[in-house]
Amino acid sequence: MNVKAWRMGACEALPLLSGYLPVALSFGLVASQAGFSAFEATALSLLIYAGASQFLFVGMIAGGAPLWLTVLMTLLINARHLIYSITLAPWMSQSRRWPWLMHGLTDQVFALAHYRLPLLSEHDRMSWFSSTAIVAWAGWAGGTLMGSLAGEQLIQQWPLLASAMTFALPALFLVLLAPRCTSIRWFIALLASVLSALMLSLHDMINVAIPLAAALGALCFYLLPDSTARTRA
């Protein structure tokens, strides 16, 4: 283990917690209100570890959806992590541990790793990614536990916090998406995803809105020409 790379990864993961903690608090509160114990909510954050999927899981279970459908939809939403893992594998494939560490690969960790790993030496990559993933994972689970135990009291003391927590998850993803809007290709793909998700939700197809909208956005992205590459050429 490279101590310097480990410390670097931990320090670079800390800013992620500013986005993780509000969403994790919100999830802990929502899970508590849906009848999940603090232990169960925290276990979901440790095992599933995906904000959108966890909210969907809790909502479908609370709504009486069949367990097989709930598990299927959760896995479908999390399928994007396979692409993340394949993308990062060339930079980490020298270690036998990297497949296990992919559990810590969230959207935000992926964005950070995709930028940082190519800049690190091969010897430093595993230590950096390990600490980054562990800090983010622990922060997410800790925020969930706090939300389950003290979420109600926090909202009673600060009522405006309820509105802020509701928007926490969308805001976390908007931070990742906003810089991409400078590209026409990305803008059209994102617009297609947003509009399709909205239309499906308005037609009471909330359970499939996210995966179908994501699939449509990905299809638009790969079918549209890359104007940035053409401009550079």
Protein backbone atom coordinates (compact mmCIF):
# COMPACT_ATOMS: atom_id res chain seq x y z
CA MET A 1 0.00 0.00 0.00
CA ASN A 2 1.27 3.45 -0.94
CA VAL A 3 0.52 5.71 2.04
CA LYS A 4 0.91 8.92 0.04
CA ALA A 5 -1.54 7.77 -2.65
CA TRP A 6 -3.91 6.49 0.05
CA ARG A 7 -3.97 9.88 1.75
CA MET A 8 -4.44 11.64 -1.58
CA GLY A 9 -7.45 9.47 -2.41
CA ALA A 10 -9.02 10.06 1.00
CA CYS A 11 -8.54 13.83 0.75
CA GLU A 12 -9.97 13.96 -2.76
CA ALA A 13 -12.99 11.91 -1.67
CA LEU A 14 -13.90 14.28 1.16
CA PRO A 15 -15.53 16.91 -1.13
CA LEU A 16 -17.84 14.15 -2.40
CA LEU A 17 -19.33 13.88 1.08
CA SER A 18 -20.80 17.38 0.78
CA GLY A 19 -23.12 15.90 -1.82
CA TYR A 20 -23.44 12.44 -0.32
CA LEU A 21 -24.45 13.36 3.22
CA PRO A 22 -27.65 15.32 2.36
CA VAL A 23 -28.83 12.54 0.05
CA ALA A 24 -27.92 9.82 2.56
CA LEU A 25 -29.73 11.72 5.32
CA SER A 26 -32.75 11.98 3.07
CA PHE A 27 -32.66 8.28 2.27
CA GLY A 28 -32.34 7.35 5.95
CA LEU A 29 -35.37 9.47 6.75
CA VAL A 30 -37.43 8.11 3.85
CA ALA A 31 -36.52 4.52 4.76
CA SER A 32 -37.45 5.16 8.38
CA GLN A 33 -40.81 6.61 7.37
CA ALA A 34 -41.41 3.58 5.15
CA GLY A 35 -41.01 1.24 8.12
CA PHE A 36 -37.36 0.22 7.76
CA SER A 37 -35.26 0.10 10.91
CA ALA A 38 -32.01 2.04 11.17
CA PHE A 39 -30.11 -1.24 10.80
CA GLU A 40 -32.05 -2.22 7.67
CA ALA A 41 -31.65 1.21 6.07
CA THR A 42 -27.90 1.24 6.76
CA ALA A 43 -27.58 -2.31 5.43
CA LEU A 44 -29.23 -1.18 2.18
CA SER A 45 -26.69 1.63 1.87
CA LEU A 46 -23.82 -0.76 2.51
CA LEU A 47 -25.04 -3.50 0.15
CA ILE A 48 -26.85 -1.69 -2.67
CA TYR A 49 -24.91 1.58 -2.34
CA ALA A 50 -26.69 3.48 -5.10
CA GLY A 51 -28.91 6.44 -4.26
CA ALA A 52 -31.51 6.23 -7.02
CA SER A 53 -31.79 2.44 -6.70
CA GLN A 54 -32.18 2.63 -2.94
CA PHE A 55 -34.98 5.19 -3.13
CA LEU A 56 -36.67 3.04 -5.77
CA PHE A 57 -36.21 -0.11 -3.69
CA VAL A 58 -37.73 1.45 -0.57
CA GLY A 59 -40.58 3.05 -2.53
CA MET A 60 -41.51 -0.18 -4.31
CA ILE A 61 -41.33 -2.28 -1.13
CA ALA A 62 -43.44 0.28 0.75
CA GLY A 63 -45.91 0.34 -2.15
CA GLY A 64 -46.35 -3.43 -2.05
CA ALA A 65 -44.56 -4.25 -5.30
CA PRO A 66 -43.48 -7.89 -5.80
CA LEU A 67 -39.99 -8.59 -4.51
CA TRP A 68 -38.81 -10.03 -7.83
CA LEU A 69 -39.83 -6.85 -9.67
CA THR A 70 -38.18 -4.66 -7.04
CA VAL A 71 -34.91 -6.59 -7.31
CA LEU A 72 -35.07 -6.58 -11.12
CA MET A 73 -35.61 -2.82 -11.33
CA THR A 74 -32.83 -2.19 -8.81
CA LEU A 75 -30.39 -4.31 -10.82
CA LEU A 76 -31.49 -2.64 -14.05
CA ILE A 77 -30.76 0.84 -12.73
CA ASN A 78 -27.40 -0.32 -11.37
CA ALA A 79 -26.41 -1.94 -14.68
CA ARG A 80 -24.51 1.23 -15.62
CA HIS A 81 -21.89 0.28 -13.03
CA LEU A 82 -20.80 -2.57 -15.30
CA ILE A 83 -19.85 0.02 -17.92
CA TYR A 84 -18.03 2.04 -15.27
CA SER A 85 -16.04 -1.02 -14.20
CA ILE A 86 -15.10 -1.95 -17.76
CA THR A 87 -13.97 1.62 -18.39
CA LEU A 88 -11.66 1.72 -15.37
CA ALA A 89 -10.42 -1.87 -15.63
CA PRO A 90 -7.47 -1.10 -17.99
CA TRP A 91 -5.97 1.18 -15.34
CA MET A 92 -6.42 -1.26 -12.45
CA SER A 93 -6.31 -4.73 -14.00
CA GLN A 94 -2.79 -5.45 -12.65
CA SER A 95 -4.27 -6.09 -9.19
CA ARG A 96 -6.47 -9.02 -8.26
CA ARG A 97 -8.42 -6.83 -5.83
CA TRP A 98 -9.95 -4.41 -8.31
CA PRO A 99 -13.12 -6.49 -9.09
CA TRP A 100 -14.05 -6.37 -5.38
CA LEU A 101 -13.44 -2.63 -5.18
CA MET A 102 -15.92 -2.00 -7.98
CA HIS A 103 -18.64 -2.17 -5.35
CA GLY A 104 -17.42 1.27 -4.28
CA LEU A 105 -17.79 2.68 -7.78
CA THR A 106 -20.55 5.30 -7.72
CA ASP A 107 -21.23 7.92 -10.38
CA GLN A 108 -19.20 10.52 -8.50
CA VAL A 109 -16.31 8.18 -7.68
CA PHE A 110 -16.22 7.10 -11.32
CA ALA A 111 -16.06 10.71 -12.53
CA LEU A 112 -13.20 11.41 -10.13
CA ALA A 113 -11.36 8.15 -10.91
CA HIS A 114 -11.76 8.61 -14.65
CA TYR A 115 -9.86 11.88 -14.33
CA ARG A 116 -7.31 10.90 -11.68
CA LEU A 117 -6.25 7.32 -12.48
CA PRO A 118 -4.55 8.10 -15.83
CA LEU A 119 -2.43 10.73 -14.05
CA LEU A 120 -1.17 8.30 -11.39
CA SER A 121 1.57 5.72 -11.67
CA GLU A 122 0.53 2.09 -11.85
CA HIS A 123 1.87 1.53 -8.33
CA ASP A 124 -0.33 4.28 -6.84
CA ARG A 125 -3.67 3.58 -8.52
CA MET A 126 -4.96 0.81 -6.28
CA SER A 127 -4.14 2.68 -3.06
CA TRP A 128 -5.75 5.86 -4.36
CA PHE A 129 -8.92 4.15 -5.52
CA SER A 130 -9.22 2.05 -2.35
CA SER A 131 -9.18 5.06 -0.04
CA THR A 132 -11.46 7.10 -2.28
CA ALA A 133 -14.06 4.32 -2.46
CA ILE A 134 -13.90 3.53 1.27
CA VAL A 135 -14.28 7.16 2.39
CA ALA A 136 -17.25 7.70 0.08
CA TRP A 137 -18.86 4.38 1.10
CA ALA A 138 -18.44 5.10 4.81
CA GLY A 139 -19.82 8.62 4.42
CA TRP A 140 -22.88 7.32 2.59
CA ALA A 141 -23.59 4.64 5.18
CA GLY A 142 -22.97 7.02 8.05
CA GLY A 143 -25.32 9.60 6.59
CA THR A 144 -28.01 6.95 6.17
CA LEU A 145 -27.66 5.87 9.79
CA MET A 146 -27.87 9.48 10.96
CA GLY A 147 -30.95 10.12 8.84
CA SER A 148 -32.66 7.01 10.19
CA LEU A 149 -31.97 7.87 13.80
CA ALA A 150 -32.26 11.66 13.84
CA GLY A 151 -33.93 12.67 10.57
CA GLU A 152 -37.29 13.44 12.13
CA GLN A 153 -35.74 15.56 14.87
CA LEU A 154 -33.64 17.50 12.36
CA ILE A 155 -36.70 18.35 10.27
CA GLN A 156 -38.70 19.39 13.31
CA GLN A 157 -35.91 21.73 14.34
CA TRP A 158 -35.23 23.04 10.82
CA PRO A 159 -38.42 22.64 8.70
CA LEU A 160 -36.76 24.03 5.56
CA LEU A 161 -34.37 21.10 5.64
CA ALA A 162 -37.15 18.83 4.38
CA SER A 163 -37.41 20.74 1.10
CA ALA A 164 -33.63 20.83 0.70
CA MET A 165 -33.29 17.09 1.30
CA THR A 166 -35.95 16.36 -1.31
CA PHE A 167 -33.83 18.04 -3.98
CA ALA A 168 -30.52 16.61 -2.73
CA LEU A 169 -30.40 13.58 -5.04
CA PRO A 170 -31.26 15.46 -8.27
CA ALA A 171 -28.75 18.17 -7.33
CA LEU A 172 -26.03 15.56 -6.86
CA PHE A 173 -26.46 14.37 -10.44
CA LEU A 174 -26.94 17.86 -11.89
CA VAL A 175 -23.44 18.70 -10.69
CA LEU A 176 -22.13 15.90 -12.91
CA LEU A 177 -24.35 16.70 -15.87
CA ALA A 178 -24.11 20.48 -16.05
CA PRO A 179 -20.56 20.66 -17.48
CA ARG A 180 -21.60 18.35 -20.33
CA CYS A 181 -24.18 20.78 -21.67
CA THR A 182 -21.43 22.62 -23.58
CA SER A 183 -21.52 19.80 -26.13
CA ILE A 184 -24.47 19.61 -28.57
CA ARG A 185 -24.27 15.83 -28.54
CA TRP A 186 -24.49 15.65 -24.75
CA PHE A 187 -27.16 18.34 -24.59
CA ILE A 188 -29.50 16.48 -26.97
CA ALA A 189 -28.93 13.17 -25.17
CA LEU A 190 -29.63 14.74 -21.77
CA LEU A 191 -32.69 16.57 -23.09
CA ALA A 192 -34.07 13.33 -24.55
CA SER A 193 -33.56 11.57 -21.20
CA VAL A 194 -35.22 14.34 -19.19
CA LEU A 195 -38.23 14.71 -21.49
CA SER A 196 -38.82 10.97 -21.79
CA ALA A 197 -38.57 10.50 -18.02
CA LEU A 198 -41.04 13.34 -17.53
CA MET A 199 -43.52 11.93 -20.04
CA LEU A 200 -43.32 8.43 -18.60
CA SER A 201 -43.84 9.79 -15.08
CA LEU A 202 -46.87 11.81 -16.19
CA HIS A 203 -48.36 8.61 -17.63
CA ASP A 204 -47.96 6.75 -14.31
CA MET A 205 -44.94 4.74 -15.48
CA ILE A 206 -42.68 5.93 -12.68
CA ASN A 207 -41.09 2.52 -12.02
CA VAL A 208 -39.65 2.26 -15.55
CA ALA A 209 -39.11 5.97 -16.22
CA ILE A 210 -35.47 6.07 -15.07
CA PRO A 211 -34.10 2.99 -16.93
CA LEU A 212 -36.03 3.74 -20.15
CA ALA A 213 -35.03 7.40 -20.11
CA ALA A 214 -31.40 6.44 -19.50
CA ALA A 215 -31.51 3.95 -22.38
CA LEU A 216 -32.99 6.56 -24.73
CA GLY A 217 -30.39 9.11 -23.74
CA ALA A 218 -27.58 6.60 -24.32
CA LEU A 219 -29.05 5.69 -27.71
CA CYS A 220 -29.19 9.34 -28.75
CA PHE A 221 -25.61 9.87 -27.60
CA TYR A 222 -24.21 7.00 -29.64
CA LEU A 223 -26.30 7.74 -32.75
CA LEU A 224 -25.44 11.45 -32.90
CA PRO A 225 -22.14 12.52 -34.50
CA ASP A 226 -19.39 13.86 -32.24
CA SER A 227 -19.28 17.53 -33.19
CA THR A 228 -16.33 18.12 -30.83
CA ALA A 229 -14.15 15.58 -32.63
CA ARG A 230 -15.13 17.02 -35.99
CA THR A 231 -14.25 20.51 -34.86
CA ARG A 232 -10.80 19.40 -33.68
CA ALA A 233 -10.19 17.64 -36.97
